[in-house]
Amino acid sequence: MTRDIPRLKAEFFKTLGHPLRIRILELLAPGEQSVADLLAALDVEQPHLSQQLGILRRAGFVASRRDGSKVIYALADERIVDLLGVSKHILLDMLTSTRDELRLS
């Protein structure tokens, strides 16, 4: 079981390896959104959005429910908000470090 952890982590992060998926998760961070709401916020075609939402749903990152004719999506685990925040801070720190190193050279 523990030998599978690195592989499972790789699959977890592979799911996050698409900019549109990250953006979808960011849009869902404040709360649930309908597909129409997500489409209005993103510059993508509906089939592409549905494909990416399907990948996120199968991986367990988002959950969906029906509300009449609407499909509503939400984060499946609120810790995803923390993950996105931590990754943003790490990236900002890395960029700041690189910028500082360039200034010194």
PDB file of N, CA and C in Angstrom:
ATOM      1  N   MET A   1       0.817  -1.197   0.000  1.00  0.00           N
ATOM      2  CA  MET A   1       0.000   0.000   0.000  1.00  0.00           C
ATOM      3  C   MET A   1       0.861   1.263   0.000  1.00  0.00           C
ATOM      4  N   THR A   2       1.815   1.369   0.933  1.00  0.00           N
ATOM      5  CA  THR A   2       2.630   2.578   1.001  1.00  0.00           C
ATOM      6  C   THR A   2       3.523   2.720  -0.216  1.00  0.00           C
ATOM      7  N   ARG A   3       3.817   1.606  -0.897  1.00  0.00           N
ATOM      8  CA  ARG A   3       4.625   1.703  -2.118  1.00  0.00           C
ATOM      9  C   ARG A   3       3.823   2.335  -3.245  1.00  0.00           C
ATOM     10  N   ASP A   4       2.505   2.307  -3.124  1.00  0.00           N
ATOM     11  CA  ASP A   4       1.645   2.916  -4.144  1.00  0.00           C
ATOM     12  C   ASP A   4       1.495   4.424  -3.963  1.00  0.00           C
ATOM     13  N   ILE A   5       1.848   4.941  -2.803  1.00  0.00           N
ATOM     14  CA  ILE A   5       1.642   6.361  -2.513  1.00  0.00           C
ATOM     15  C   ILE A   5       2.313   7.273  -3.538  1.00  0.00           C
ATOM     16  N   PRO A   6       3.587   7.073  -3.902  1.00  0.00           N
ATOM     17  CA  PRO A   6       4.178   7.950  -4.910  1.00  0.00           C
ATOM     18  C   PRO A   6       3.428   7.915  -6.249  1.00  0.00           C
ATOM     19  N   ARG A   7       2.980   6.733  -6.653  1.00  0.00           N
ATOM     20  CA  ARG A   7       2.231   6.623  -7.906  1.00  0.00           C
ATOM     21  C   ARG A   7       0.894   7.355  -7.796  1.00  0.00           C
ATOM     22  N   LEU A   8       0.225   7.182  -6.669  1.00  0.00           N
ATOM     23  CA  LEU A   8      -1.052   7.855  -6.465  1.00  0.00           C
ATOM     24  C   LEU A   8      -0.888   9.370  -6.415  1.00  0.00           C
ATOM     25  N   LYS A   9       0.180   9.822  -5.775  1.00  0.00           N
ATOM     26  CA  LYS A   9       0.464  11.263  -5.747  1.00  0.00           C
ATOM     27  C   LYS A   9       0.716  11.786  -7.153  1.00  0.00           C
ATOM     28  N   ALA A  10       1.454  11.021  -7.947  1.00  0.00           N
ATOM     29  CA  ALA A  10       1.729  11.436  -9.325  1.00  0.00           C
ATOM     30  C   ALA A  10       0.436  11.563 -10.122  1.00  0.00           C
ATOM     31  N   GLU A  11      -0.474  10.618  -9.948  1.00  0.00           N
ATOM     32  CA  GLU A  11      -1.768  10.685 -10.632  1.00  0.00           C
ATOM     33  C   GLU A  11      -2.583  11.884 -10.143  1.00  0.00           C
ATOM     34  N   PHE A  12      -2.527  12.136  -8.845  1.00  0.00           N
ATOM     35  CA  PHE A  12      -3.219  13.273  -8.249  1.00  0.00           C
ATOM     36  C   PHE A  12      -2.746  14.572  -8.897  1.00  0.00           C
ATOM     37  N   PHE A  13      -1.419  14.752  -8.949  1.00  0.00           N
ATOM     38  CA  PHE A  13      -0.877  15.984  -9.512  1.00  0.00           C
ATOM     39  C   PHE A  13      -1.017  16.027 -11.032  1.00  0.00           C
ATOM     40  N   LYS A  14      -1.035  14.878 -11.671  1.00  0.00           N
ATOM     41  CA  LYS A  14      -1.259  14.837 -13.120  1.00  0.00           C
ATOM     42  C   LYS A  14      -2.637  15.408 -13.449  1.00  0.00           C
ATOM     43  N   THR A  15      -3.621  15.103 -12.620  1.00  0.00           N
ATOM     44  CA  THR A  15      -4.957  15.648 -12.824  1.00  0.00           C
ATOM     45  C   THR A  15      -4.933  17.167 -12.768  1.00  0.00           C
ATOM     46  N   LEU A  16      -4.070  17.719 -11.947  1.00  0.00           N
ATOM     47  CA  LEU A  16      -3.957  19.174 -11.828  1.00  0.00           C
ATOM     48  C   LEU A  16      -3.087  19.780 -12.925  1.00  0.00           C
ATOM     49  N   GLY A  17      -2.580  18.941 -13.827  1.00  0.00           N
ATOM     50  CA  GLY A  17      -1.618  19.384 -14.821  1.00  0.00           C
ATOM     51  C   GLY A  17      -2.200  20.046 -16.053  1.00  0.00           C
ATOM     52  N   HIS A  18      -3.330  20.709 -15.924  1.00  0.00           N
ATOM     53  CA  HIS A  18      -3.928  21.416 -17.057  1.00  0.00           C
ATOM     54  C   HIS A  18      -4.418  22.775 -16.551  1.00  0.00           C
ATOM     55  N   PRO A  19      -4.030  23.859 -17.212  1.00  0.00           N
ATOM     56  CA  PRO A  19      -4.413  25.197 -16.733  1.00  0.00           C
ATOM     57  C   PRO A  19      -5.924  25.393 -16.580  1.00  0.00           C
ATOM     58  N   LEU A  20      -6.716  24.818 -17.481  1.00  0.00           N
ATOM     59  CA  LEU A  20      -8.168  24.984 -17.379  1.00  0.00           C
ATOM     60  C   LEU A  20      -8.707  24.286 -16.131  1.00  0.00           C
ATOM     61  N   ARG A  21      -8.157  23.136 -15.792  1.00  0.00           N
ATOM     62  CA  ARG A  21      -8.613  22.439 -14.585  1.00  0.00           C
ATOM     63  C   ARG A  21      -8.297  23.255 -13.338  1.00  0.00           C
ATOM     64  N   ILE A  22      -7.117  23.848 -13.314  1.00  0.00           N
ATOM     65  CA  ILE A  22      -6.751  24.710 -12.179  1.00  0.00           C
ATOM     66  C   ILE A  22      -7.723  25.882 -12.100  1.00  0.00           C
ATOM     67  N   ARG A  23      -8.010  26.498 -13.218  1.00  0.00           N
ATOM     68  CA  ARG A  23      -8.917  27.659 -13.239  1.00  0.00           C
ATOM     69  C   ARG A  23     -10.319  27.265 -12.774  1.00  0.00           C
ATOM     70  N   ILE A  24     -10.791  26.104 -13.203  1.00  0.00           N
ATOM     71  CA  ILE A  24     -12.103  25.622 -12.763  1.00  0.00           C
ATOM     72  C   ILE A  24     -12.117  25.479 -11.239  1.00  0.00           C
ATOM     73  N   LEU A  25     -11.080  24.871 -10.685  1.00  0.00           N
ATOM     74  CA  LEU A  25     -11.010  24.701  -9.236  1.00  0.00           C
ATOM     75  C   LEU A  25     -10.980  26.052  -8.527  1.00  0.00           C
ATOM     76  N   GLU A  26     -10.254  27.003  -9.094  1.00  0.00           N
ATOM     77  CA  GLU A  26     -10.212  28.346  -8.500  1.00  0.00           C
ATOM     78  C   GLU A  26     -11.599  28.990  -8.518  1.00  0.00           C
ATOM     79  N   LEU A  27     -12.334  28.803  -9.608  1.00  0.00           N
ATOM     80  CA  LEU A  27     -13.678  29.372  -9.694  1.00  0.00           C
ATOM     81  C   LEU A  27     -14.652  28.713  -8.723  1.00  0.00           C
ATOM     82  N   LEU A  28     -14.405  27.446  -8.416  1.00  0.00           N
ATOM     83  CA  LEU A  28     -15.272  26.734  -7.484  1.00  0.00           C
ATOM     84  C   LEU A  28     -14.886  26.969  -6.021  1.00  0.00           C
ATOM     85  N   ALA A  29     -13.725  27.549  -5.782  1.00  0.00           N
ATOM     86  CA  ALA A  29     -13.252  27.753  -4.412  1.00  0.00           C
ATOM     87  C   ALA A  29     -14.250  28.549  -3.554  1.00  0.00           C
ATOM     88  N   PRO A  30     -14.850  29.626  -4.056  1.00  0.00           N
ATOM     89  CA  PRO A  30     -15.807  30.369  -3.218  1.00  0.00           C
ATOM     90  C   PRO A  30     -17.128  29.637  -2.996  1.00  0.00           C
ATOM     91  N   GLY A  31     -17.461  28.722  -3.874  1.00  0.00           N
ATOM     92  CA  GLY A  31     -18.722  27.993  -3.727  1.00  0.00           C
ATOM     93  C   GLY A  31     -19.142  27.368  -5.041  1.00  0.00           C
ATOM     94  N   GLU A  32     -20.241  26.660  -4.999  1.00  0.00           N
ATOM     95  CA  GLU A  32     -20.676  25.923  -6.179  1.00  0.00           C
ATOM     96  C   GLU A  32     -21.071  26.857  -7.314  1.00  0.00           C
ATOM     97  N   GLN A  33     -20.948  26.304  -8.531  1.00  0.00           N
ATOM     98  CA  GLN A  33     -21.236  27.060  -9.755  1.00  0.00           C
ATOM     99  C   GLN A  33     -21.942  26.143 -10.741  1.00  0.00           C
ATOM    100  N   SER A  34     -22.820  26.714 -11.525  1.00  0.00           N
ATOM    101  CA  SER A  34     -23.440  25.940 -12.600  1.00  0.00           C
ATOM    102  C   SER A  34     -22.479  25.901 -13.786  1.00  0.00           C
ATOM    103  N   VAL A  35     -22.736  24.981 -14.685  1.00  0.00           N
ATOM    104  CA  VAL A  35     -21.933  24.913 -15.905  1.00  0.00           C
ATOM    105  C   VAL A  35     -22.044  26.235 -16.661  1.00  0.00           C
ATOM    106  N   ALA A  36     -23.240  26.813 -16.706  1.00  0.00           N
ATOM    107  CA  ALA A  36     -23.429  28.098 -17.384  1.00  0.00           C
ATOM    108  C   ALA A  36     -22.578  29.195 -16.744  1.00  0.00           C
ATOM    109  N   ASP A  37     -22.504  29.206 -15.413  1.00  0.00           N
ATOM    110  CA  ASP A  37     -21.669  30.189 -14.714  1.00  0.00           C
ATOM    111  C   ASP A  37     -20.199  29.998 -15.070  1.00  0.00           C
ATOM    112  N   LEU A  38     -19.761  28.742 -15.091  1.00  0.00           N
ATOM    113  CA  LEU A  38     -18.366  28.458 -15.436  1.00  0.00           C
ATOM    114  C   LEU A  38     -18.072  28.865 -16.864  1.00  0.00           C
ATOM    115  N   LEU A  39     -18.998  28.572 -17.777  1.00  0.00           N
ATOM    116  CA  LEU A  39     -18.807  28.960 -19.179  1.00  0.00           C
ATOM    117  C   LEU A  39     -18.688  30.476 -19.315  1.00  0.00           C
ATOM    118  N   ALA A  40     -19.491  31.207 -18.575  1.00  0.00           N
ATOM    119  CA  ALA A  40     -19.456  32.671 -18.640  1.00  0.00           C
ATOM    120  C   ALA A  40     -18.119  33.225 -18.140  1.00  0.00           C
ATOM    121  N   ALA A  41     -17.481  32.518 -17.214  1.00  0.00           N
ATOM    122  CA  ALA A  41     -16.225  32.990 -16.623  1.00  0.00           C
ATOM    123  C   ALA A  41     -14.995  32.533 -17.405  1.00  0.00           C
ATOM    124  N   LEU A  42     -15.175  31.559 -18.273  1.00  0.00           N
ATOM    125  CA  LEU A  42     -14.036  30.975 -18.989  1.00  0.00           C
ATOM    126  C   LEU A  42     -14.191  31.183 -20.490  1.00  0.00           C
ATOM    127  N   ASP A  43     -13.087  31.276 -21.175  1.00  0.00           N
ATOM    128  CA  ASP A  43     -13.103  31.433 -22.623  1.00  0.00           C
ATOM    129  C   ASP A  43     -12.884  30.070 -23.276  1.00  0.00           C
ATOM    130  N   VAL A  44     -13.873  29.190 -23.121  1.00  0.00           N
ATOM    131  CA  VAL A  44     -13.785  27.843 -23.685  1.00  0.00           C
ATOM    132  C   VAL A  44     -15.148  27.440 -24.233  1.00  0.00           C
ATOM    133  N   GLU A  45     -15.126  26.465 -25.100  1.00  0.00           N
ATOM    134  CA  GLU A  45     -16.366  25.902 -25.622  1.00  0.00           C
ATOM    135  C   GLU A  45     -16.936  24.921 -24.607  1.00  0.00           C
ATOM    136  N   GLN A  46     -18.245  24.741 -24.625  1.00  0.00           N
ATOM    137  CA  GLN A  46     -18.927  23.877 -23.671  1.00  0.00           C
ATOM    138  C   GLN A  46     -18.406  22.444 -23.691  1.00  0.00           C
ATOM    139  N   PRO A  47     -18.155  21.833 -24.869  1.00  0.00           N
ATOM    140  CA  PRO A  47     -17.650  20.450 -24.838  1.00  0.00           C
ATOM    141  C   PRO A  47     -16.293  20.317 -24.139  1.00  0.00           C
ATOM    142  N   HIS A  48     -15.419  21.312 -24.337  1.00  0.00           N
ATOM    143  CA  HIS A  48     -14.101  21.265 -23.690  1.00  0.00           C
ATOM    144  C   HIS A  48     -14.246  21.415 -22.175  1.00  0.00           C
ATOM    145  N   LEU A  49     -15.124  22.314 -21.739  1.00  0.00           N
ATOM    146  CA  LEU A  49     -15.367  22.473 -20.308  1.00  0.00           C
ATOM    147  C   LEU A  49     -15.923  21.182 -19.722  1.00  0.00           C
ATOM    148  N   SER A  50     -16.895  20.587 -20.402  1.00  0.00           N
ATOM    149  CA  SER A  50     -17.487  19.337 -19.906  1.00  0.00           C
ATOM    150  C   SER A  50     -16.443  18.234 -19.794  1.00  0.00           C
ATOM    151  N   GLN A  51     -15.536  18.172 -20.756  1.00  0.00           N
ATOM    152  CA  GLN A  51     -14.470  17.166 -20.723  1.00  0.00           C
ATOM    153  C   GLN A  51     -13.594  17.358 -19.487  1.00  0.00           C
ATOM    154  N   GLN A  52     -13.196  18.596 -19.233  1.00  0.00           N
ATOM    155  CA  GLN A  52     -12.324  18.878 -18.085  1.00  0.00           C
ATOM    156  C   GLN A  52     -13.055  18.661 -16.761  1.00  0.00           C
ATOM    157  N   LEU A  53     -14.333  19.024 -16.706  1.00  0.00           N
ATOM    158  CA  LEU A  53     -15.118  18.761 -15.498  1.00  0.00           C
ATOM    159  C   LEU A  53     -15.247  17.261 -15.257  1.00  0.00           C
ATOM    160  N   GLY A  54     -15.395  16.490 -16.323  1.00  0.00           N
ATOM    161  CA  GLY A  54     -15.472  15.039 -16.191  1.00  0.00           C
ATOM    162  C   GLY A  54     -14.195  14.452 -15.620  1.00  0.00           C
ATOM    163  N   ILE A  55     -13.062  14.951 -16.078  1.00  0.00           N
ATOM    164  CA  ILE A  55     -11.765  14.488 -15.556  1.00  0.00           C
ATOM    165  C   ILE A  55     -11.660  14.816 -14.069  1.00  0.00           C
ATOM    166  N   LEU A  56     -12.030  16.040 -13.702  1.00  0.00           N
ATOM    167  CA  LEU A  56     -11.973  16.442 -12.295  1.00  0.00           C
ATOM    168  C   LEU A  56     -12.945  15.637 -11.434  1.00  0.00           C
ATOM    169  N   ARG A  57     -14.118  15.337 -11.977  1.00  0.00           N
ATOM    170  CA  ARG A  57     -15.118  14.561 -11.227  1.00  0.00           C
ATOM    171  C   ARG A  57     -14.647  13.121 -11.020  1.00  0.00           C
ATOM    172  N   ARG A  58     -14.140  12.493 -12.086  1.00  0.00           N
ATOM    173  CA  ARG A  58     -13.669  11.105 -11.962  1.00  0.00           C
ATOM    174  C   ARG A  58     -12.488  10.986 -11.005  1.00  0.00           C
ATOM    175  N   ALA A  59     -11.668  12.033 -10.939  1.00  0.00           N
ATOM    176  CA  ALA A  59     -10.511  12.023 -10.045  1.00  0.00           C
ATOM    177  C   ALA A  59     -10.892  12.378  -8.608  1.00  0.00           C
ATOM    178  N   GLY A  60     -12.127  12.804  -8.395  1.00  0.00           N
ATOM    179  CA  GLY A  60     -12.578  13.115  -7.044  1.00  0.00           C
ATOM    180  C   GLY A  60     -12.327  14.540  -6.596  1.00  0.00           C
ATOM    181  N   PHE A  61     -11.995  15.433  -7.512  1.00  0.00           N
ATOM    182  CA  PHE A  61     -11.733  16.829  -7.156  1.00  0.00           C
ATOM    183  C   PHE A  61     -13.018  17.645  -7.052  1.00  0.00           C
ATOM    184  N   VAL A  62     -14.019  17.297  -7.872  1.00  0.00           N
ATOM    185  CA  VAL A  62     -15.288  18.016  -7.849  1.00  0.00           C
ATOM    186  C   VAL A  62     -16.440  17.027  -7.733  1.00  0.00           C
ATOM    187  N   ALA A  63     -17.558  17.533  -7.257  1.00  0.00           N
ATOM    188  CA  ALA A  63     -18.801  16.766  -7.184  1.00  0.00           C
ATOM    189  C   ALA A  63     -19.852  17.555  -7.960  1.00  0.00           C
ATOM    190  N   SER A  64     -20.815  16.844  -8.494  1.00  0.00           N
ATOM    191  CA  SER A  64     -21.876  17.509  -9.239  1.00  0.00           C
ATOM    192  C   SER A  64     -23.235  17.070  -8.737  1.00  0.00           C
ATOM    193  N   ARG A  65     -24.217  17.935  -8.983  1.00  0.00           N
ATOM    194  CA  ARG A  65     -25.602  17.612  -8.658  1.00  0.00           C
ATOM    195  C   ARG A  65     -26.489  18.316  -9.675  1.00  0.00           C
ATOM    196  N   ARG A  66     -27.672  17.781  -9.832  1.00  0.00           N
ATOM    197  CA  ARG A  66     -28.652  18.387 -10.736  1.00  0.00           C
ATOM    198  C   ARG A  66     -29.583  19.294  -9.947  1.00  0.00           C
ATOM    199  N   ASP A  67     -29.890  20.423 -10.562  1.00  0.00           N
ATOM    200  CA  ASP A  67     -30.877  21.352 -10.025  1.00  0.00           C
ATOM    201  C   ASP A  67     -31.795  21.696 -11.192  1.00  0.00           C
ATOM    202  N   GLY A  68     -32.829  20.901 -11.362  1.00  0.00           N
ATOM    203  CA  GLY A  68     -33.683  21.045 -12.540  1.00  0.00           C
ATOM    204  C   GLY A  68     -32.891  20.642 -13.767  1.00  0.00           C
ATOM    205  N   SER A  69     -32.789  21.556 -14.707  1.00  0.00           N
ATOM    206  CA  SER A  69     -32.025  21.266 -15.922  1.00  0.00           C
ATOM    207  C   SER A  69     -30.553  21.662 -15.791  1.00  0.00           C
ATOM    208  N   LYS A  70     -30.200  22.313 -14.691  1.00  0.00           N
ATOM    209  CA  LYS A  70     -28.822  22.760 -14.482  1.00  0.00           C
ATOM    210  C   LYS A  70     -27.993  21.670 -13.813  1.00  0.00           C
ATOM    211  N   VAL A  71     -26.696  21.661 -14.160  1.00  0.00           N
ATOM    212  CA  VAL A  71     -25.742  20.828 -13.436  1.00  0.00           C
ATOM    213  C   VAL A  71     -24.873  21.782 -12.629  1.00  0.00           C
ATOM    214  N   ILE A  72     -24.799  21.524 -11.347  1.00  0.00           N
ATOM    215  CA  ILE A  72     -24.061  22.374 -10.411  1.00  0.00           C
ATOM    216  C   ILE A  72     -22.825  21.622  -9.945  1.00  0.00           C
ATOM    217  N   TYR A  73     -21.692  22.305  -9.970  1.00  0.00           N
ATOM    218  CA  TYR A  73     -20.429  21.707  -9.528  1.00  0.00           C
ATOM    219  C   TYR A  73     -19.931  22.405  -8.272  1.00  0.00           C
ATOM    220  N   ALA A  74     -19.233  21.625  -7.446  1.00  0.00           N
ATOM    221  CA  ALA A  74     -18.611  22.143  -6.226  1.00  0.00           C
ATOM    222  C   ALA A  74     -17.339  21.355  -5.973  1.00  0.00           C
ATOM    223  N   LEU A  75     -16.446  21.934  -5.191  1.00  0.00           N
ATOM    224  CA  LEU A  75     -15.255  21.203  -4.786  1.00  0.00           C
ATOM    225  C   LEU A  75     -15.685  20.008  -3.937  1.00  0.00           C
ATOM    226  N   ALA A  76     -15.067  18.885  -4.174  1.00  0.00           N
ATOM    227  CA  ALA A  76     -15.392  17.684  -3.408  1.00  0.00           C
ATOM    228  C   ALA A  76     -14.747  17.716  -2.025  1.00  0.00           C
ATOM    229  N   ASP A  77     -13.691  18.492  -1.880  1.00  0.00           N
ATOM    230  CA  ASP A  77     -12.964  18.572  -0.616  1.00  0.00           C
ATOM    231  C   ASP A  77     -12.446  20.004  -0.469  1.00  0.00           C
ATOM    232  N   GLU A  78     -12.847  20.665   0.588  1.00  0.00           N
ATOM    233  CA  GLU A  78     -12.454  22.065   0.789  1.00  0.00           C
ATOM    234  C   GLU A  78     -10.943  22.246   0.937  1.00  0.00           C
ATOM    235  N   ARG A  79     -10.205  21.176   1.227  1.00  0.00           N
ATOM    236  CA  ARG A  79      -8.747  21.294   1.334  1.00  0.00           C
ATOM    237  C   ARG A  79      -8.106  21.628   0.004  1.00  0.00           C
ATOM    238  N   ILE A  80      -8.844  21.464  -1.088  1.00  0.00           N
ATOM    239  CA  ILE A  80      -8.333  21.854  -2.413  1.00  0.00           C
ATOM    240  C   ILE A  80      -8.048  23.344  -2.436  1.00  0.00           C
ATOM    241  N   VAL A  81      -8.853  24.128  -1.731  1.00  0.00           N
ATOM    242  CA  VAL A  81      -8.601  25.574  -1.629  1.00  0.00           C
ATOM    243  C   VAL A  81      -7.233  25.812  -0.993  1.00  0.00           C
ATOM    244  N   ASP A  82      -6.920  25.061   0.066  1.00  0.00           N
ATOM    245  CA  ASP A  82      -5.618  25.185   0.728  1.00  0.00           C
ATOM    246  C   ASP A  82      -4.496  24.787  -0.223  1.00  0.00           C
ATOM    247  N   LEU A  83      -4.694  23.704  -0.948  1.00  0.00           N
ATOM    248  CA  LEU A  83      -3.693  23.235  -1.905  1.00  0.00           C
ATOM    249  C   LEU A  83      -3.406  24.303  -2.955  1.00  0.00           C
ATOM    250  N   LEU A  84      -4.450  24.914  -3.493  1.00  0.00           N
ATOM    251  CA  LEU A  84      -4.263  25.968  -4.491  1.00  0.00           C
ATOM    252  C   LEU A  84      -3.538  27.167  -3.893  1.00  0.00           C
ATOM    253  N   GLY A  85      -3.882  27.519  -2.658  1.00  0.00           N
ATOM    254  CA  GLY A  85      -3.230  28.646  -1.992  1.00  0.00           C
ATOM    255  C   GLY A  85      -1.765  28.386  -1.711  1.00  0.00           C
ATOM    256  N   VAL A  86      -1.448  27.200  -1.207  1.00  0.00           N
ATOM    257  CA  VAL A  86      -0.057  26.845  -0.917  1.00  0.00           C
ATOM    258  C   VAL A  86       0.766  26.839  -2.210  1.00  0.00           C
ATOM    259  N   SER A  87       0.210  26.261  -3.269  1.00  0.00           N
ATOM    260  CA  SER A  87       0.961  26.211  -4.528  1.00  0.00           C
ATOM    261  C   SER A  87       1.203  27.621  -5.067  1.00  0.00           C
ATOM    262  N   LYS A  88       0.227  28.509  -4.904  1.00  0.00           N
ATOM    263  CA  LYS A  88       0.403  29.896  -5.346  1.00  0.00           C
ATOM    264  C   LYS A  88       1.533  30.569  -4.569  1.00  0.00           C
ATOM    265  N   HIS A  89       1.568  30.362  -3.257  1.00  0.00           N
ATOM    266  CA  HIS A  89       2.623  30.970  -2.435  1.00  0.00           C
ATOM    267  C   HIS A  89       4.000  30.406  -2.786  1.00  0.00           C
ATOM    268  N   ILE A  90       4.069  29.110  -3.027  1.00  0.00           N
ATOM    269  CA  ILE A  90       5.346  28.504  -3.419  1.00  0.00           C
ATOM    270  C   ILE A  90       5.823  29.111  -4.731  1.00  0.00           C
ATOM    271  N   LEU A  91       4.916  29.226  -5.708  1.00  0.00           N
ATOM    272  CA  LEU A  91       5.292  29.801  -7.003  1.00  0.00           C
ATOM    273  C   LEU A  91       5.731  31.254  -6.867  1.00  0.00           C
ATOM    274  N   LEU A  92       5.006  32.025  -6.070  1.00  0.00           N
ATOM    275  CA  LEU A  92       5.395  33.423  -5.869  1.00  0.00           C
ATOM    276  C   LEU A  92       6.764  33.523  -5.209  1.00  0.00           C
ATOM    277  N   ASP A  93       7.014  32.658  -4.223  1.00  0.00           N
ATOM    278  CA  ASP A  93       8.329  32.650  -3.577  1.00  0.00           C
ATOM    279  C   ASP A  93       9.426  32.275  -4.570  1.00  0.00           C
ATOM    280  N   MET A  94       9.147  31.310  -5.421  1.00  0.00           N
ATOM    281  CA  MET A  94      10.136  30.889  -6.416  1.00  0.00           C
ATOM    282  C   MET A  94      10.408  32.018  -7.408  1.00  0.00           C
ATOM    283  N   LEU A  95       9.361  32.697  -7.842  1.00  0.00           N
ATOM    284  CA  LEU A  95       9.533  33.807  -8.783  1.00  0.00           C
ATOM    285  C   LEU A  95      10.291  34.964  -8.142  1.00  0.00           C
ATOM    286  N   THR A  96       9.988  35.240  -6.881  1.00  0.00           N
ATOM    287  CA  THR A  96      10.687  36.305  -6.163  1.00  0.00           C
ATOM    288  C   THR A  96      12.169  35.959  -6.018  1.00  0.00           C
ATOM    289  N   SER A  97      12.457  34.713  -5.692  1.00  0.00           N
ATOM    290  CA  SER A  97      13.836  34.267  -5.556  1.00  0.00           C
ATOM    291  C   SER A  97      14.583  34.392  -6.877  1.00  0.00           C
ATOM    292  N   THR A  98      13.941  33.986  -7.958  1.00  0.00           N
ATOM    293  CA  THR A  98      14.561  34.078  -9.282  1.00  0.00           C
ATOM    294  C   THR A  98      14.801  35.541  -9.646  1.00  0.00           C
ATOM    295  N   ARG A  99      13.805  36.391  -9.384  1.00  0.00           N
ATOM    296  CA  ARG A  99      13.959  37.817  -9.671  1.00  0.00           C
ATOM    297  C   ARG A  99      15.118  38.404  -8.879  1.00  0.00           C
ATOM    298  N   ASP A 100      15.215  38.063  -7.598  1.00  0.00           N
ATOM    299  CA  ASP A 100      16.303  38.569  -6.758  1.00  0.00           C
ATOM    300  C   ASP A 100      17.653  38.088  -7.248  1.00  0.00           C
ATOM    301  N   GLU A 101      17.723  36.819  -7.670  1.00  0.00           N
ATOM    302  CA  GLU A 101      18.979  36.288  -8.197  1.00  0.00           C
ATOM    303  C   GLU A 101      19.384  37.005  -9.482  1.00  0.00           C
ATOM    304  N   LEU A 102      18.425  37.322 -10.322  1.00  0.00           N
ATOM    305  CA  LEU A 102      18.727  38.043 -11.562  1.00  0.00           C
ATOM    306  C   LEU A 102      19.216  39.458 -11.281  1.00  0.00           C
ATOM    307  N   ARG A 103      18.665  40.096 -10.265  1.00  0.00           N
ATOM    308  CA  ARG A 103      19.099  41.444  -9.904  1.00  0.00           C
ATOM    309  C   ARG A 103      20.542  41.437  -9.404  1.00  0.00           C
ATOM    310  N   LEU A 104      20.932  40.357  -8.719  1.00  0.00           N
ATOM    311  CA  LEU A 104      22.273  40.289  -8.169  1.00  0.00           C
ATOM    312  C   LEU A 104      23.328  39.934  -9.222  1.00  0.00           C
ATOM    313  N   SER A 105      22.895  39.386 -10.339  1.00  0.00           N
ATOM    314  CA  SER A 105      23.882  38.968 -11.353  1.00  0.00           C
ATOM    315  C   SER A 105      24.216  40.079 -12.323  1.00  0.00           C
TER     316      SER A 105
END
